Amino acid sequence: RAERVDDILRAHAEGRVALIPSLEAATP
């Protein structure tokens, strides 16, 4: 799970994938 930019950079360095949790609308 990616919550900071460092998580994305770590995923790249470690051969993993960072998932950025997102929602397409604030309706809920």
mmCIF file of all heavy atoms, coordinates in Angstrom:
data_MODEL
# 
_entry.id   MODEL 
# 
loop_
_atom_site.group_PDB 
_atom_site.id 
_atom_site.type_symbol 
_atom_site.label_atom_id 
_atom_site.label_alt_id 
_atom_site.label_comp_id 
_atom_site.label_asym_id 
_atom_site.label_entity_id 
_atom_site.label_seq_id 
_atom_site.pdbx_PDB_ins_code 
_atom_site.Cartn_x 
_atom_site.Cartn_y 
_atom_site.Cartn_z 
_atom_site.occupancy 
_atom_site.B_iso_or_equiv 
_atom_site.pdbx_formal_charge 
_atom_site.auth_seq_id 
_atom_site.auth_comp_id 
_atom_site.auth_asym_id 
_atom_site.auth_atom_id 
_atom_site.pdbx_PDB_model_num 
ATOM 1   N N   . ARG A 1 1  ? 0.841   -1.194 0.000   1.00 0.00 ? 1  ARG A N   1 
ATOM 2   C CA  . ARG A 1 1  ? 0.000   0.000  0.000   1.00 0.00 ? 1  ARG A CA  1 
ATOM 3   C C   . ARG A 1 1  ? 0.877   1.244  0.000   1.00 0.00 ? 1  ARG A C   1 
ATOM 4   O O   . ARG A 1 1  ? 1.819   1.356  0.783   1.00 0.00 ? 1  ARG A O   1 
ATOM 5   C CB  . ARG A 1 1  ? -0.924  -0.001 1.205   1.00 0.00 ? 1  ARG A CB  1 
ATOM 6   C CG  . ARG A 1 1  ? -2.097  -0.929 1.051   1.00 0.00 ? 1  ARG A CG  1 
ATOM 7   C CD  . ARG A 1 1  ? -2.863  -1.127 2.337   1.00 0.00 ? 1  ARG A CD  1 
ATOM 8   N NE  . ARG A 1 1  ? -3.289  0.124  2.939   1.00 0.00 ? 1  ARG A NE  1 
ATOM 9   C CZ  . ARG A 1 1  ? -3.986  0.190  4.081   1.00 0.00 ? 1  ARG A CZ  1 
ATOM 10  N NH1 . ARG A 1 1  ? -4.320  -0.928 4.711   1.00 0.00 ? 1  ARG A NH1 1 
ATOM 11  N NH2 . ARG A 1 1  ? -4.342  1.353  4.580   1.00 0.00 ? 1  ARG A NH2 1 
ATOM 12  N N   . ALA A 1 2  ? 0.556   2.178  -0.871  1.00 0.00 ? 2  ALA A N   1 
ATOM 13  C CA  . ALA A 1 2  ? 1.328   3.419  -0.956  1.00 0.00 ? 2  ALA A CA  1 
ATOM 14  C C   . ALA A 1 2  ? 0.559   4.549  -0.282  1.00 0.00 ? 2  ALA A C   1 
ATOM 15  O O   . ALA A 1 2  ? -0.564  4.878  -0.676  1.00 0.00 ? 2  ALA A O   1 
ATOM 16  C CB  . ALA A 1 2  ? 1.592   3.781  -2.414  1.00 0.00 ? 2  ALA A CB  1 
ATOM 17  N N   . GLU A 1 3  ? 1.176   5.122  0.745   1.00 0.00 ? 3  GLU A N   1 
ATOM 18  C CA  . GLU A 1 3  ? 0.582   6.257  1.439   1.00 0.00 ? 3  GLU A CA  1 
ATOM 19  C C   . GLU A 1 3  ? 1.492   7.479  1.391   1.00 0.00 ? 3  GLU A C   1 
ATOM 20  O O   . GLU A 1 3  ? 1.070   8.588  1.711   1.00 0.00 ? 3  GLU A O   1 
ATOM 21  C CB  . GLU A 1 3  ? 0.259   5.877  2.875   1.00 0.00 ? 3  GLU A CB  1 
ATOM 22  C CG  . GLU A 1 3  ? -0.754  4.732  2.952   1.00 0.00 ? 3  GLU A CG  1 
ATOM 23  C CD  . GLU A 1 3  ? -1.150  4.380  4.367   1.00 0.00 ? 3  GLU A CD  1 
ATOM 24  O OE1 . GLU A 1 3  ? -0.540  4.933  5.310   1.00 0.00 ? 3  GLU A OE1 1 
ATOM 25  O OE2 . GLU A 1 3  ? -2.078  3.553  4.525   1.00 0.00 ? 3  GLU A OE2 1 
ATOM 26  N N   . ARG A 1 4  ? 2.746   7.268  0.973   1.00 0.00 ? 4  ARG A N   1 
ATOM 27  C CA  . ARG A 1 4  ? 3.715   8.339  0.811   1.00 0.00 ? 4  ARG A CA  1 
ATOM 28  C C   . ARG A 1 4  ? 4.518   8.081  -0.468  1.00 0.00 ? 4  ARG A C   1 
ATOM 29  O O   . ARG A 1 4  ? 4.572   6.951  -0.949  1.00 0.00 ? 4  ARG A O   1 
ATOM 30  C CB  . ARG A 1 4  ? 4.668   8.418  2.012   1.00 0.00 ? 4  ARG A CB  1 
ATOM 31  C CG  . ARG A 1 4  ? 3.985   8.769  3.333   1.00 0.00 ? 4  ARG A CG  1 
ATOM 32  C CD  . ARG A 1 4  ? 4.934   8.633  4.519   1.00 0.00 ? 4  ARG A CD  1 
ATOM 33  N NE  . ARG A 1 4  ? 4.288   8.968  5.771   1.00 0.00 ? 4  ARG A NE  1 
ATOM 34  C CZ  . ARG A 1 4  ? 4.340   10.162 6.351   1.00 0.00 ? 4  ARG A CZ  1 
ATOM 35  N NH1 . ARG A 1 4  ? 5.040   11.135 5.780   1.00 0.00 ? 4  ARG A NH1 1 
ATOM 36  N NH2 . ARG A 1 4  ? 3.729   10.404 7.483   1.00 0.00 ? 4  ARG A NH2 1 
ATOM 37  N N   . VAL A 1 5  ? 5.151   9.111  -0.967  1.00 0.00 ? 5  VAL A N   1 
ATOM 38  C CA  . VAL A 1 5  ? 5.958   8.959  -2.175  1.00 0.00 ? 5  VAL A CA  1 
ATOM 39  C C   . VAL A 1 5  ? 7.065   7.937  -1.954  1.00 0.00 ? 5  VAL A C   1 
ATOM 40  O O   . VAL A 1 5  ? 7.394   7.158  -2.857  1.00 0.00 ? 5  VAL A O   1 
ATOM 41  C CB  . VAL A 1 5  ? 6.545   10.322 -2.610  1.00 0.00 ? 5  VAL A CB  1 
ATOM 42  C CG1 . VAL A 1 5  ? 7.602   10.137 -3.694  1.00 0.00 ? 5  VAL A CG1 1 
ATOM 43  C CG2 . VAL A 1 5  ? 5.440   11.236 -3.108  1.00 0.00 ? 5  VAL A CG2 1 
ATOM 44  N N   . ASP A 1 6  ? 7.627   7.895  -0.751  1.00 0.00 ? 6  ASP A N   1 
ATOM 45  C CA  . ASP A 1 6  ? 8.692   6.929  -0.457  1.00 0.00 ? 6  ASP A CA  1 
ATOM 46  C C   . ASP A 1 6  ? 8.244   5.492  -0.670  1.00 0.00 ? 6  ASP A C   1 
ATOM 47  O O   . ASP A 1 6  ? 9.055   4.624  -1.010  1.00 0.00 ? 6  ASP A O   1 
ATOM 48  C CB  . ASP A 1 6  ? 9.202   7.104  0.977   1.00 0.00 ? 6  ASP A CB  1 
ATOM 49  C CG  . ASP A 1 6  ? 10.129  8.305  1.131   1.00 0.00 ? 6  ASP A CG  1 
ATOM 50  O OD1 . ASP A 1 6  ? 10.527  8.875  0.097   1.00 0.00 ? 6  ASP A OD1 1 
ATOM 51  O OD2 . ASP A 1 6  ? 10.444  8.668  2.276   1.00 0.00 ? 6  ASP A OD2 1 
ATOM 52  N N   . ASP A 1 7  ? 6.956   5.210  -0.475  1.00 0.00 ? 7  ASP A N   1 
ATOM 53  C CA  . ASP A 1 7  ? 6.439   3.858  -0.702  1.00 0.00 ? 7  ASP A CA  1 
ATOM 54  C C   . ASP A 1 7  ? 6.533   3.486  -2.182  1.00 0.00 ? 7  ASP A C   1 
ATOM 55  O O   . ASP A 1 7  ? 6.830   2.338  -2.535  1.00 0.00 ? 7  ASP A O   1 
ATOM 56  C CB  . ASP A 1 7  ? 4.982   3.754  -0.241  1.00 0.00 ? 7  ASP A CB  1 
ATOM 57  C CG  . ASP A 1 7  ? 4.839   3.940  1.257   1.00 0.00 ? 7  ASP A CG  1 
ATOM 58  O OD1 . ASP A 1 7  ? 5.755   3.545  2.001   1.00 0.00 ? 7  ASP A OD1 1 
ATOM 59  O OD2 . ASP A 1 7  ? 3.808   4.499  1.677   1.00 0.00 ? 7  ASP A OD2 1 
ATOM 60  N N   . ILE A 1 8  ? 6.278   4.459  -3.064  1.00 0.00 ? 8  ILE A N   1 
ATOM 61  C CA  . ILE A 1 8  ? 6.389   4.220  -4.501  1.00 0.00 ? 8  ILE A CA  1 
ATOM 62  C C   . ILE A 1 8  ? 7.842   3.966  -4.881  1.00 0.00 ? 8  ILE A C   1 
ATOM 63  O O   . ILE A 1 8  ? 8.154   3.027  -5.634  1.00 0.00 ? 8  ILE A O   1 
ATOM 64  C CB  . ILE A 1 8  ? 5.832   5.423  -5.289  1.00 0.00 ? 8  ILE A CB  1 
ATOM 65  C CG1 . ILE A 1 8  ? 4.337   5.583  -5.012  1.00 0.00 ? 8  ILE A CG1 1 
ATOM 66  C CG2 . ILE A 1 8  ? 6.091   5.253  -6.788  1.00 0.00 ? 8  ILE A CG2 1 
ATOM 67  C CD1 . ILE A 1 8  ? 3.732   6.833  -5.614  1.00 0.00 ? 8  ILE A CD1 1 
ATOM 68  N N   . LEU A 1 9  ? 8.733   4.770  -4.350  1.00 0.00 ? 9  LEU A N   1 
ATOM 69  C CA  . LEU A 1 9  ? 10.158  4.609  -4.653  1.00 0.00 ? 9  LEU A CA  1 
ATOM 70  C C   . LEU A 1 9  ? 10.676  3.286  -4.118  1.00 0.00 ? 9  LEU A C   1 
ATOM 71  O O   . LEU A 1 9  ? 11.505  2.627  -4.760  1.00 0.00 ? 9  LEU A O   1 
ATOM 72  C CB  . LEU A 1 9  ? 10.946  5.786  -4.072  1.00 0.00 ? 9  LEU A CB  1 
ATOM 73  C CG  . LEU A 1 9  ? 10.534  7.176  -4.576  1.00 0.00 ? 9  LEU A CG  1 
ATOM 74  C CD1 . LEU A 1 9  ? 11.384  8.255  -3.911  1.00 0.00 ? 9  LEU A CD1 1 
ATOM 75  C CD2 . LEU A 1 9  ? 10.641  7.266  -6.089  1.00 0.00 ? 9  LEU A CD2 1 
ATOM 76  N N   . ARG A 1 10 ? 10.189  2.876  -2.952  1.00 0.00 ? 10 ARG A N   1 
ATOM 77  C CA  . ARG A 1 10 ? 10.613  1.588  -2.380  1.00 0.00 ? 10 ARG A CA  1 
ATOM 78  C C   . ARG A 1 10 ? 10.132  0.428  -3.239  1.00 0.00 ? 10 ARG A C   1 
ATOM 79  O O   . ARG A 1 10 ? 10.875  -0.537 -3.480  1.00 0.00 ? 10 ARG A O   1 
ATOM 80  C CB  . ARG A 1 10 ? 10.077  1.449  -0.953  1.00 0.00 ? 10 ARG A CB  1 
ATOM 81  C CG  . ARG A 1 10 ? 10.401  0.104  -0.301  1.00 0.00 ? 10 ARG A CG  1 
ATOM 82  C CD  . ARG A 1 10 ? 10.151  0.130  1.185   1.00 0.00 ? 10 ARG A CD  1 
ATOM 83  N NE  . ARG A 1 10 ? 8.749   0.245  1.521   1.00 0.00 ? 10 ARG A NE  1 
ATOM 84  C CZ  . ARG A 1 10 ? 7.928   -0.810 1.670   1.00 0.00 ? 10 ARG A CZ  1 
ATOM 85  N NH1 . ARG A 1 10 ? 8.385   -2.043 1.500   1.00 0.00 ? 10 ARG A NH1 1 
ATOM 86  N NH2 . ARG A 1 10 ? 6.668   -0.632 1.999   1.00 0.00 ? 10 ARG A NH2 1 
ATOM 87  N N   . ALA A 1 11 ? 8.895   0.522  -3.716  1.00 0.00 ? 11 ALA A N   1 
ATOM 88  C CA  . ALA A 1 11 ? 8.372   -0.543 -4.582  1.00 0.00 ? 11 ALA A CA  1 
ATOM 89  C C   . ALA A 1 11 ? 9.231   -0.677 -5.831  1.00 0.00 ? 11 ALA A C   1 
ATOM 90  O O   . ALA A 1 11 ? 9.561   -1.798 -6.254  1.00 0.00 ? 11 ALA A O   1 
ATOM 91  C CB  . ALA A 1 11 ? 6.926   -0.245 -4.958  1.00 0.00 ? 11 ALA A CB  1 
ATOM 92  N N   . HIS A 1 12 ? 9.604   0.436  -6.442  1.00 0.00 ? 12 HIS A N   1 
ATOM 93  C CA  . HIS A 1 12 ? 10.458  0.406  -7.627  1.00 0.00 ? 12 HIS A CA  1 
ATOM 94  C C   . HIS A 1 12 ? 11.801  -0.237 -7.308  1.00 0.00 ? 12 HIS A C   1 
ATOM 95  O O   . HIS A 1 12 ? 12.292  -1.086 -8.083  1.00 0.00 ? 12 HIS A O   1 
ATOM 96  C CB  . HIS A 1 12 ? 10.661  1.833  -8.133  1.00 0.00 ? 12 HIS A CB  1 
ATOM 97  C CG  . HIS A 1 12 ? 11.675  1.953  -9.227  1.00 0.00 ? 12 HIS A CG  1 
ATOM 98  N ND1 . HIS A 1 12 ? 11.463  1.456  -10.493 1.00 0.00 ? 12 HIS A ND1 1 
ATOM 99  C CD2 . HIS A 1 12 ? 12.912  2.516  -9.240  1.00 0.00 ? 12 HIS A CD2 1 
ATOM 100 C CE1 . HIS A 1 12 ? 12.533  1.697  -11.247 1.00 0.00 ? 12 HIS A CE1 1 
ATOM 101 N NE2 . HIS A 1 12 ? 13.409  2.340  -10.514 1.00 0.00 ? 12 HIS A NE2 1 
ATOM 102 N N   . ALA A 1 13 ? 12.384  0.130  -6.189  1.00 0.00 ? 13 ALA A N   1 
ATOM 103 C CA  . ALA A 1 13 ? 13.707  -0.384 -5.821  1.00 0.00 ? 13 ALA A CA  1 
ATOM 104 C C   . ALA A 1 13 ? 13.673  -1.870 -5.488  1.00 0.00 ? 13 ALA A C   1 
ATOM 105 O O   . ALA A 1 13 ? 14.641  -2.597 -5.747  1.00 0.00 ? 13 ALA A O   1 
ATOM 106 C CB  . ALA A 1 13 ? 14.260  0.408  -4.639  1.00 0.00 ? 13 ALA A CB  1 
ATOM 107 N N   . GLU A 1 14 ? 12.559  -2.342 -4.942  1.00 0.00 ? 14 GLU A N   1 
ATOM 108 C CA  . GLU A 1 14 ? 12.482  -3.717 -4.438  1.00 0.00 ? 14 GLU A CA  1 
ATOM 109 C C   . GLU A 1 14 ? 11.813  -4.687 -5.407  1.00 0.00 ? 14 GLU A C   1 
ATOM 110 O O   . GLU A 1 14 ? 11.669  -5.876 -5.098  1.00 0.00 ? 14 GLU A O   1 
ATOM 111 C CB  . GLU A 1 14 ? 11.731  -3.741 -3.107  1.00 0.00 ? 14 GLU A CB  1 
ATOM 112 C CG  . GLU A 1 14 ? 12.450  -2.996 -1.990  1.00 0.00 ? 14 GLU A CG  1 
ATOM 113 C CD  . GLU A 1 14 ? 11.673  -3.025 -0.674  1.00 0.00 ? 14 GLU A CD  1 
ATOM 114 O OE1 . GLU A 1 14 ? 10.515  -3.533 -0.679  1.00 0.00 ? 14 GLU A OE1 1 
ATOM 115 O OE2 . GLU A 1 14 ? 12.209  -2.542 0.337   1.00 0.00 ? 14 GLU A OE2 1 
ATOM 116 N N   . GLY A 1 15 ? 11.374  -4.220 -6.560  1.00 0.00 ? 15 GLY A N   1 
ATOM 117 C CA  . GLY A 1 15 ? 10.699  -5.104 -7.497  1.00 0.00 ? 15 GLY A CA  1 
ATOM 118 C C   . GLY A 1 15 ? 9.285   -5.444 -7.086  1.00 0.00 ? 15 GLY A C   1 
ATOM 119 O O   . GLY A 1 15 ? 8.764   -6.518 -7.409  1.00 0.00 ? 15 GLY A O   1 
ATOM 120 N N   . ARG A 1 16 ? 8.640   -4.528 -6.399  1.00 0.00 ? 16 ARG A N   1 
ATOM 121 C CA  . ARG A 1 16 ? 7.252   -4.712 -5.993  1.00 0.00 ? 16 ARG A CA  1 
ATOM 122 C C   . ARG A 1 16 ? 6.374   -3.694 -6.716  1.00 0.00 ? 16 ARG A C   1 
ATOM 123 O O   . ARG A 1 16 ? 6.855   -2.924 -7.539  1.00 0.00 ? 16 ARG A O   1 
ATOM 124 C CB  . ARG A 1 16 ? 7.132   -4.573 -4.474  1.00 0.00 ? 16 ARG A CB  1 
ATOM 125 C CG  . ARG A 1 16 ? 8.064   -5.509 -3.699  1.00 0.00 ? 16 ARG A CG  1 
ATOM 126 C CD  . ARG A 1 16 ? 7.924   -5.352 -2.202  1.00 0.00 ? 16 ARG A CD  1 
ATOM 127 N NE  . ARG A 1 16 ? 9.046   -5.969 -1.508  1.00 0.00 ? 16 ARG A NE  1 
ATOM 128 C CZ  . ARG A 1 16 ? 9.155   -7.262 -1.249  1.00 0.00 ? 16 ARG A CZ  1 
ATOM 129 N NH1 . ARG A 1 16 ? 8.195   -8.090 -1.620  1.00 0.00 ? 16 ARG A NH1 1 
ATOM 130 N NH2 . ARG A 1 16 ? 10.218  -7.743 -0.616  1.00 0.00 ? 16 ARG A NH2 1 
ATOM 131 N N   . VAL A 1 17 ? 5.097   -3.675 -6.393  1.00 0.00 ? 17 VAL A N   1 
ATOM 132 C CA  . VAL A 1 17 ? 4.178   -2.701 -6.956  1.00 0.00 ? 17 VAL A CA  1 
ATOM 133 C C   . VAL A 1 17 ? 3.470   -1.979 -5.812  1.00 0.00 ? 17 VAL A C   1 
ATOM 134 O O   . VAL A 1 17 ? 2.956   -2.628 -4.887  1.00 0.00 ? 17 VAL A O   1 
ATOM 135 C CB  . VAL A 1 17 ? 3.132   -3.355 -7.882  1.00 0.00 ? 17 VAL A CB  1 
ATOM 136 C CG1 . VAL A 1 17 ? 2.136   -2.311 -8.390  1.00 0.00 ? 17 VAL A CG1 1 
ATOM 137 C CG2 . VAL A 1 17 ? 3.812   -4.044 -9.056  1.00 0.00 ? 17 VAL A CG2 1 
ATOM 138 N N   . ALA A 1 18 ? 3.453   -0.654 -5.882  1.00 0.00 ? 18 ALA A N   1 
ATOM 139 C CA  . ALA A 1 18 ? 2.771   0.151  -4.873  1.00 0.00 ? 18 ALA A CA  1 
ATOM 140 C C   . ALA A 1 18 ? 1.345   0.433  -5.319  1.00 0.00 ? 18 ALA A C   1 
ATOM 141 O O   . ALA A 1 18 ? 1.133   0.978  -6.400  1.00 0.00 ? 18 ALA A O   1 
ATOM 142 C CB  . ALA A 1 18 ? 3.530   1.457  -4.651  1.00 0.00 ? 18 ALA A CB  1 
ATOM 143 N N   . LEU A 1 19 ? 0.391   0.054  -4.504  1.00 0.00 ? 19 LEU A N   1 
ATOM 144 C CA  . LEU A 1 19 ? -1.019  0.296  -4.787  1.00 0.00 ? 19 LEU A CA  1 
ATOM 145 C C   . LEU A 1 19 ? -1.437  1.587  -4.090  1.00 0.00 ? 19 LEU A C   1 
ATOM 146 O O   . LEU A 1 19 ? -1.304  1.713  -2.874  1.00 0.00 ? 19 LEU A O   1 
ATOM 147 C CB  . LEU A 1 19 ? -1.862  -0.886 -4.312  1.00 0.00 ? 19 LEU A CB  1 
ATOM 148 C CG  . LEU A 1 19 ? -3.362  -0.843 -4.576  1.00 0.00 ? 19 LEU A CG  1 
ATOM 149 C CD1 . LEU A 1 19 ? -3.903  -2.261 -4.789  1.00 0.00 ? 19 LEU A CD1 1 
ATOM 150 C CD2 . LEU A 1 19 ? -4.123  -0.180 -3.424  1.00 0.00 ? 19 LEU A CD2 1 
ATOM 151 N N   . ILE A 1 20 ? -1.915  2.556  -4.880  1.00 0.00 ? 20 ILE A N   1 
ATOM 152 C CA  . ILE A 1 20 ? -2.372  3.839  -4.354  1.00 0.00 ? 20 ILE A CA  1 
ATOM 153 C C   . ILE A 1 20 ? -3.890  3.774  -4.243  1.00 0.00 ? 20 ILE A C   1 
ATOM 154 O O   . ILE A 1 20 ? -4.600  3.834  -5.253  1.00 0.00 ? 20 ILE A O   1 
ATOM 155 C CB  . ILE A 1 20 ? -1.951  4.992  -5.280  1.00 0.00 ? 20 ILE A CB  1 
ATOM 156 C CG1 . ILE A 1 20 ? -0.427  5.018  -5.440  1.00 0.00 ? 20 ILE A CG1 1 
ATOM 157 C CG2 . ILE A 1 20 ? -2.467  6.325  -4.747  1.00 0.00 ? 20 ILE A CG2 1 
ATOM 158 C CD1 . ILE A 1 20 ? 0.056   5.937  -6.552  1.00 0.00 ? 20 ILE A CD1 1 
ATOM 159 N N   . PRO A 1 21 ? -4.434  3.628  -3.029  1.00 0.00 ? 21 PRO A N   1 
ATOM 160 C CA  . PRO A 1 21 ? -5.886  3.495  -2.874  1.00 0.00 ? 21 PRO A CA  1 
ATOM 161 C C   . PRO A 1 21 ? -6.609  4.766  -3.318  1.00 0.00 ? 21 PRO A C   1 
ATOM 162 O O   . PRO A 1 21 ? -6.292  5.871  -2.868  1.00 0.00 ? 21 PRO A O   1 
ATOM 163 C CB  . PRO A 1 21 ? -6.054  3.251  -1.365  1.00 0.00 ? 21 PRO A CB  1 
ATOM 164 C CG  . PRO A 1 21 ? -4.728  2.727  -0.909  1.00 0.00 ? 21 PRO A CG  1 
ATOM 165 C CD  . PRO A 1 21 ? -3.732  3.481  -1.741  1.00 0.00 ? 21 PRO A CD  1 
ATOM 166 N N   . SER A 1 22 ? -7.583  4.602  -4.208  1.00 0.00 ? 22 SER A N   1 
ATOM 167 C CA  . SER A 1 22 ? -8.255  5.742  -4.834  1.00 0.00 ? 22 SER A CA  1 
ATOM 168 C C   . SER A 1 22 ? -9.754  5.473  -4.970  1.00 0.00 ? 22 SER A C   1 
ATOM 169 O O   . SER A 1 22 ? -10.192 4.333  -5.008  1.00 0.00 ? 22 SER A O   1 
ATOM 170 C CB  . SER A 1 22 ? -7.669  5.998  -6.231  1.00 0.00 ? 22 SER A CB  1 
ATOM 171 O OG  . SER A 1 22 ? -6.257  6.081  -6.211  1.00 0.00 ? 22 SER A OG  1 
ATOM 172 N N   . LEU A 1 23 ? -10.525 6.557  -5.064  1.00 0.00 ? 23 LEU A N   1 
ATOM 173 C CA  . LEU A 1 23 ? -11.955 6.483  -5.350  1.00 0.00 ? 23 LEU A CA  1 
ATOM 174 C C   . LEU A 1 23 ? -12.290 7.513  -6.425  1.00 0.00 ? 23 LEU A C   1 
ATOM 175 O O   . LEU A 1 23 ? -11.770 8.632  -6.382  1.00 0.00 ? 23 LEU A O   1 
ATOM 176 C CB  . LEU A 1 23 ? -12.787 6.764  -4.098  1.00 0.00 ? 23 LEU A CB  1 
ATOM 177 C CG  . LEU A 1 23 ? -12.763 5.698  -2.990  1.00 0.00 ? 23 LEU A CG  1 
ATOM 178 C CD1 . LEU A 1 23 ? -13.524 6.198  -1.771  1.00 0.00 ? 23 LEU A CD1 1 
ATOM 179 C CD2 . LEU A 1 23 ? -13.368 4.390  -3.476  1.00 0.00 ? 23 LEU A CD2 1 
ATOM 180 N N   . GLU A 1 24 ? -13.174 7.170  -7.326  1.00 0.00 ? 24 GLU A N   1 
ATOM 181 C CA  . GLU A 1 24 ? -13.485 8.059  -8.436  1.00 0.00 ? 24 GLU A CA  1 
ATOM 182 C C   . GLU A 1 24 ? -14.443 9.184  -8.065  1.00 0.00 ? 24 GLU A C   1 
ATOM 183 O O   . GLU A 1 24 ? -14.624 10.122 -8.849  1.00 0.00 ? 24 GLU A O   1 
ATOM 184 C CB  . GLU A 1 24 ? -14.053 7.272  -9.618  1.00 0.00 ? 24 GLU A CB  1 
ATOM 185 C CG  . GLU A 1 24 ? -13.036 6.357  -10.262 1.00 0.00 ? 24 GLU A CG  1 
ATOM 186 C CD  . GLU A 1 24 ? -13.493 5.829  -11.599 1.00 0.00 ? 24 GLU A CD  1 
ATOM 187 O OE1 . GLU A 1 24 ? -13.809 6.656  -12.478 1.00 0.00 ? 24 GLU A OE1 1 
ATOM 188 O OE2 . GLU A 1 24 ? -13.550 4.609  -11.758 1.00 0.00 ? 24 GLU A OE2 1 
ATOM 189 N N   . ALA A 1 25 ? -15.070 9.122  -6.908  1.00 0.00 ? 25 ALA A N   1 
ATOM 190 C CA  . ALA A 1 25 ? -15.984 10.179 -6.485  1.00 0.00 ? 25 ALA A CA  1 
ATOM 191 C C   . ALA A 1 25 ? -16.063 10.214 -4.970  1.00 0.00 ? 25 ALA A C   1 
ATOM 192 O O   . ALA A 1 25 ? -15.885 9.201  -4.294  1.00 0.00 ? 25 ALA A O   1 
ATOM 193 C CB  . ALA A 1 25 ? -17.374 9.966  -7.074  1.00 0.00 ? 25 ALA A CB  1 
ATOM 194 N N   . ALA A 1 26 ? -16.377 11.398 -4.454  1.00 0.00 ? 26 ALA A N   1 
ATOM 195 C CA  . ALA A 1 26 ? -16.561 11.577 -3.010  1.00 0.00 ? 26 ALA A CA  1 
ATOM 196 C C   . ALA A 1 26 ? -18.003 11.337 -2.598  1.00 0.00 ? 26 ALA A C   1 
ATOM 197 O O   . ALA A 1 26 ? -18.380 11.623 -1.457  1.00 0.00 ? 26 ALA A O   1 
ATOM 198 C CB  . ALA A 1 26 ? -16.124 12.984 -2.608  1.00 0.00 ? 26 ALA A CB  1 
ATOM 199 N N   . THR A 1 27 ? -18.818 10.795 -3.482  1.00 0.00 ? 27 THR A N   1 
ATOM 200 C CA  . THR A 1 27 ? -20.240 10.573 -3.232  1.00 0.00 ? 27 THR A CA  1 
ATOM 201 C C   . THR A 1 27 ? -20.513 9.861  -1.897  1.00 0.00 ? 27 THR A C   1 
ATOM 202 O O   . THR A 1 27 ? -21.444 10.251 -1.177  1.00 0.00 ? 27 THR A O   1 
ATOM 203 C CB  . THR A 1 27 ? -20.857 9.783  -4.405  1.00 0.00 ? 27 THR A CB  1 
ATOM 204 O OG1 . THR A 1 27 ? -20.624 10.514 -5.618  1.00 0.00 ? 27 THR A OG1 1 
ATOM 205 C CG2 . THR A 1 27 ? -22.344 9.568  -4.213  1.00 0.00 ? 27 THR A CG2 1 
ATOM 206 N N   . PRO A 1 28 ? -19.732 8.844  -1.493  1.00 0.00 ? 28 PRO A N   1 
ATOM 207 C CA  . PRO A 1 28 ? -20.052 8.132  -0.253  1.00 0.00 ? 28 PRO A CA  1 
ATOM 208 C C   . PRO A 1 28 ? -19.932 8.969  1.018   1.00 0.00 ? 28 PRO A C   1 
ATOM 209 O O   . PRO A 1 28 ? -20.475 8.570  2.056   1.00 0.00 ? 28 PRO A O   1 
ATOM 210 C CB  . PRO A 1 28 ? -19.032 6.987  -0.233  1.00 0.00 ? 28 PRO A CB  1 
ATOM 211 C CG  . PRO A 1 28 ? -18.622 6.812  -1.642  1.00 0.00 ? 28 PRO A CG  1 
ATOM 212 C CD  . PRO A 1 28 ? -18.647 8.174  -2.234  1.00 0.00 ? 28 PRO A CD  1 
# 
